[in-house]
Amino acid sequence: MKALFTILFLFIASVSQGQTLATINSKGHYSLSTSDSSAVKAVNTGKTFEDKKGTIYPIFKSGKGKFFIIRTSAKTGNTYKQYISIN
């Protein structure tokens, strides 16, 4: 049974492909490029969100169509995205 799982794992690993793509430029050189979804910039919707303390935040729309606001942690001071649902 253990040998069967090992063979199955090796088969899946050999068939799998990485996420990097090699492209050729105009000079004939190859370069690696990755499809990075974080490269898509967030778009400001022009609308705002007000929390229960009265702080107003601008609402952004991600590349995948999700809405979020950027908040700052009171303890650490780090910024983070808080995803919200808009009805």
C-alpha atoms as a PDB file:
ATOM      1  CA  MET A   1       0.000   0.000   0.000  1.00  0.00           C
ATOM      2  CA  LYS A   2       2.851   2.351   0.862  1.00  0.00           C
ATOM      3  CA  ALA A   3       4.513   1.585  -2.473  1.00  0.00           C
ATOM      4  CA  LEU A   4       1.270   2.415  -4.309  1.00  0.00           C
ATOM      5  CA  PHE A   5       1.085   5.840  -2.665  1.00  0.00           C
ATOM      6  CA  THR A   6       4.747   6.464  -3.455  1.00  0.00           C
ATOM      7  CA  ILE A   7       4.273   5.595  -7.122  1.00  0.00           C
ATOM      8  CA  LEU A   8       1.119   7.727  -7.290  1.00  0.00           C
ATOM      9  CA  PHE A   9       2.926  10.679  -5.701  1.00  0.00           C
ATOM     10  CA  LEU A  10       5.849  10.376  -8.115  1.00  0.00           C
ATOM     11  CA  PHE A  11       3.466  10.247 -11.082  1.00  0.00           C
ATOM     12  CA  ILE A  12       1.601  13.367  -9.954  1.00  0.00           C
ATOM     13  CA  ALA A  13       4.871  15.190  -9.270  1.00  0.00           C
ATOM     14  CA  SER A  14       6.250  14.354 -12.717  1.00  0.00           C
ATOM     15  CA  VAL A  15       3.096  15.558 -14.492  1.00  0.00           C
ATOM     16  CA  SER A  16       2.826  18.812 -12.513  1.00  0.00           C
ATOM     17  CA  GLN A  17       4.094  22.008 -14.067  1.00  0.00           C
ATOM     18  CA  GLY A  18       5.455  25.151 -12.458  1.00  0.00           C
ATOM     19  CA  GLN A  19       3.913  28.594 -12.738  1.00  0.00           C
ATOM     20  CA  THR A  20       6.848  30.222 -14.524  1.00  0.00           C
ATOM     21  CA  LEU A  21       6.778  30.758 -18.262  1.00  0.00           C
ATOM     22  CA  ALA A  22       9.798  31.295 -20.489  1.00  0.00           C
ATOM     23  CA  THR A  23       9.316  33.949 -23.134  1.00  0.00           C
ATOM     24  CA  ILE A  24      11.669  35.099 -25.859  1.00  0.00           C
ATOM     25  CA  ASN A  25      12.361  38.787 -26.417  1.00  0.00           C
ATOM     26  CA  SER A  26      13.297  40.617 -29.635  1.00  0.00           C
ATOM     27  CA  LYS A  27      17.035  39.926 -29.169  1.00  0.00           C
ATOM     28  CA  GLY A  28      16.470  36.167 -28.933  1.00  0.00           C
ATOM     29  CA  HIS A  29      17.067  35.897 -25.185  1.00  0.00           C
ATOM     30  CA  TYR A  30      14.779  33.854 -22.969  1.00  0.00           C
ATOM     31  CA  SER A  31      13.454  35.270 -19.721  1.00  0.00           C
ATOM     32  CA  LEU A  32      11.224  33.879 -17.008  1.00  0.00           C
ATOM     33  CA  SER A  33       7.953  35.553 -16.279  1.00  0.00           C
ATOM     34  CA  THR A  34       5.380  34.653 -13.682  1.00  0.00           C
ATOM     35  CA  SER A  35       1.692  35.407 -13.749  1.00  0.00           C
ATOM     36  CA  ASP A  36       1.311  37.353 -10.534  1.00  0.00           C
ATOM     37  CA  SER A  37      -2.212  38.369  -9.579  1.00  0.00           C
ATOM     38  CA  SER A  38      -0.850  40.879  -7.076  1.00  0.00           C
ATOM     39  CA  ALA A  39       0.527  42.918  -9.989  1.00  0.00           C
ATOM     40  CA  VAL A  40      -3.011  44.159 -10.673  1.00  0.00           C
ATOM     41  CA  LYS A  41      -3.441  47.420  -8.795  1.00  0.00           C
ATOM     42  CA  ALA A  42      -6.411  48.150  -6.607  1.00  0.00           C
ATOM     43  CA  VAL A  43      -8.842  50.753  -7.904  1.00  0.00           C
ATOM     44  CA  ASN A  44     -10.393  53.402  -5.686  1.00  0.00           C
ATOM     45  CA  THR A  45     -14.183  53.263  -6.120  1.00  0.00           C
ATOM     46  CA  GLY A  46     -14.737  56.834  -4.940  1.00  0.00           C
ATOM     47  CA  LYS A  47     -17.053  55.588  -2.189  1.00  0.00           C
ATOM     48  CA  THR A  48     -16.316  55.599   1.535  1.00  0.00           C
ATOM     49  CA  PHE A  49     -16.911  53.395   4.562  1.00  0.00           C
ATOM     50  CA  GLU A  50     -17.543  54.746   8.057  1.00  0.00           C
ATOM     51  CA  ASP A  51     -16.867  52.483  11.039  1.00  0.00           C
ATOM     52  CA  LYS A  52     -18.620  52.683  14.409  1.00  0.00           C
ATOM     53  CA  LYS A  53     -15.945  55.076  15.745  1.00  0.00           C
ATOM     54  CA  GLY A  54     -16.673  57.547  12.951  1.00  0.00           C
ATOM     55  CA  THR A  55     -13.469  56.986  10.989  1.00  0.00           C
ATOM     56  CA  ILE A  56     -13.987  57.223   7.238  1.00  0.00           C
ATOM     57  CA  TYR A  57     -12.034  54.927   4.876  1.00  0.00           C
ATOM     58  CA  PRO A  58     -11.992  54.918   1.058  1.00  0.00           C
ATOM     59  CA  ILE A  59     -13.284  51.691  -0.539  1.00  0.00           C
ATOM     60  CA  PHE A  60     -11.013  49.919  -3.046  1.00  0.00           C
ATOM     61  CA  LYS A  61     -11.823  47.208  -5.587  1.00  0.00           C
ATOM     62  CA  SER A  62      -9.251  44.451  -6.125  1.00  0.00           C
ATOM     63  CA  GLY A  63      -8.315  42.928  -9.464  1.00  0.00           C
ATOM     64  CA  LYS A  64     -10.611  39.988  -8.697  1.00  0.00           C
ATOM     65  CA  GLY A  65     -13.593  42.247  -7.978  1.00  0.00           C
ATOM     66  CA  LYS A  66     -13.572  42.136  -4.163  1.00  0.00           C
ATOM     67  CA  PHE A  67     -14.056  45.287  -2.108  1.00  0.00           C
ATOM     68  CA  PHE A  68     -11.777  46.226   0.780  1.00  0.00           C
ATOM     69  CA  ILE A  69     -10.612  49.076   2.969  1.00  0.00           C
ATOM     70  CA  ILE A  70      -7.112  49.678   4.267  1.00  0.00           C
ATOM     71  CA  ARG A  71      -6.937  49.884   8.047  1.00  0.00           C
ATOM     72  CA  THR A  72      -4.095  50.410  10.510  1.00  0.00           C
ATOM     73  CA  SER A  73      -3.589  48.164  13.525  1.00  0.00           C
ATOM     74  CA  ALA A  74      -3.793  50.049  16.828  1.00  0.00           C
ATOM     75  CA  LYS A  75      -1.287  47.712  18.518  1.00  0.00           C
ATOM     76  CA  THR A  76       1.436  47.340  15.878  1.00  0.00           C
ATOM     77  CA  GLY A  77       0.784  50.226  13.503  1.00  0.00           C
ATOM     78  CA  ASN A  78       0.819  47.877  10.493  1.00  0.00           C
ATOM     79  CA  THR A  79      -1.633  48.428   7.649  1.00  0.00           C
ATOM     80  CA  TYR A  80      -3.847  45.609   6.417  1.00  0.00           C
ATOM     81  CA  LYS A  81      -6.771  45.022   4.083  1.00  0.00           C
ATOM     82  CA  GLN A  82     -10.193  44.426   5.566  1.00  0.00           C
ATOM     83  CA  TYR A  83     -12.482  42.874   2.960  1.00  0.00           C
ATOM     84  CA  ILE A  84     -16.094  43.998   3.067  1.00  0.00           C
ATOM     85  CA  SER A  85     -19.240  42.874   1.311  1.00  0.00           C
ATOM     86  CA  ILE A  86     -21.366  45.495  -0.398  1.00  0.00           C
ATOM     87  CA  ASN A  87     -25.070  44.828  -0.777  1.00  0.00           C
END
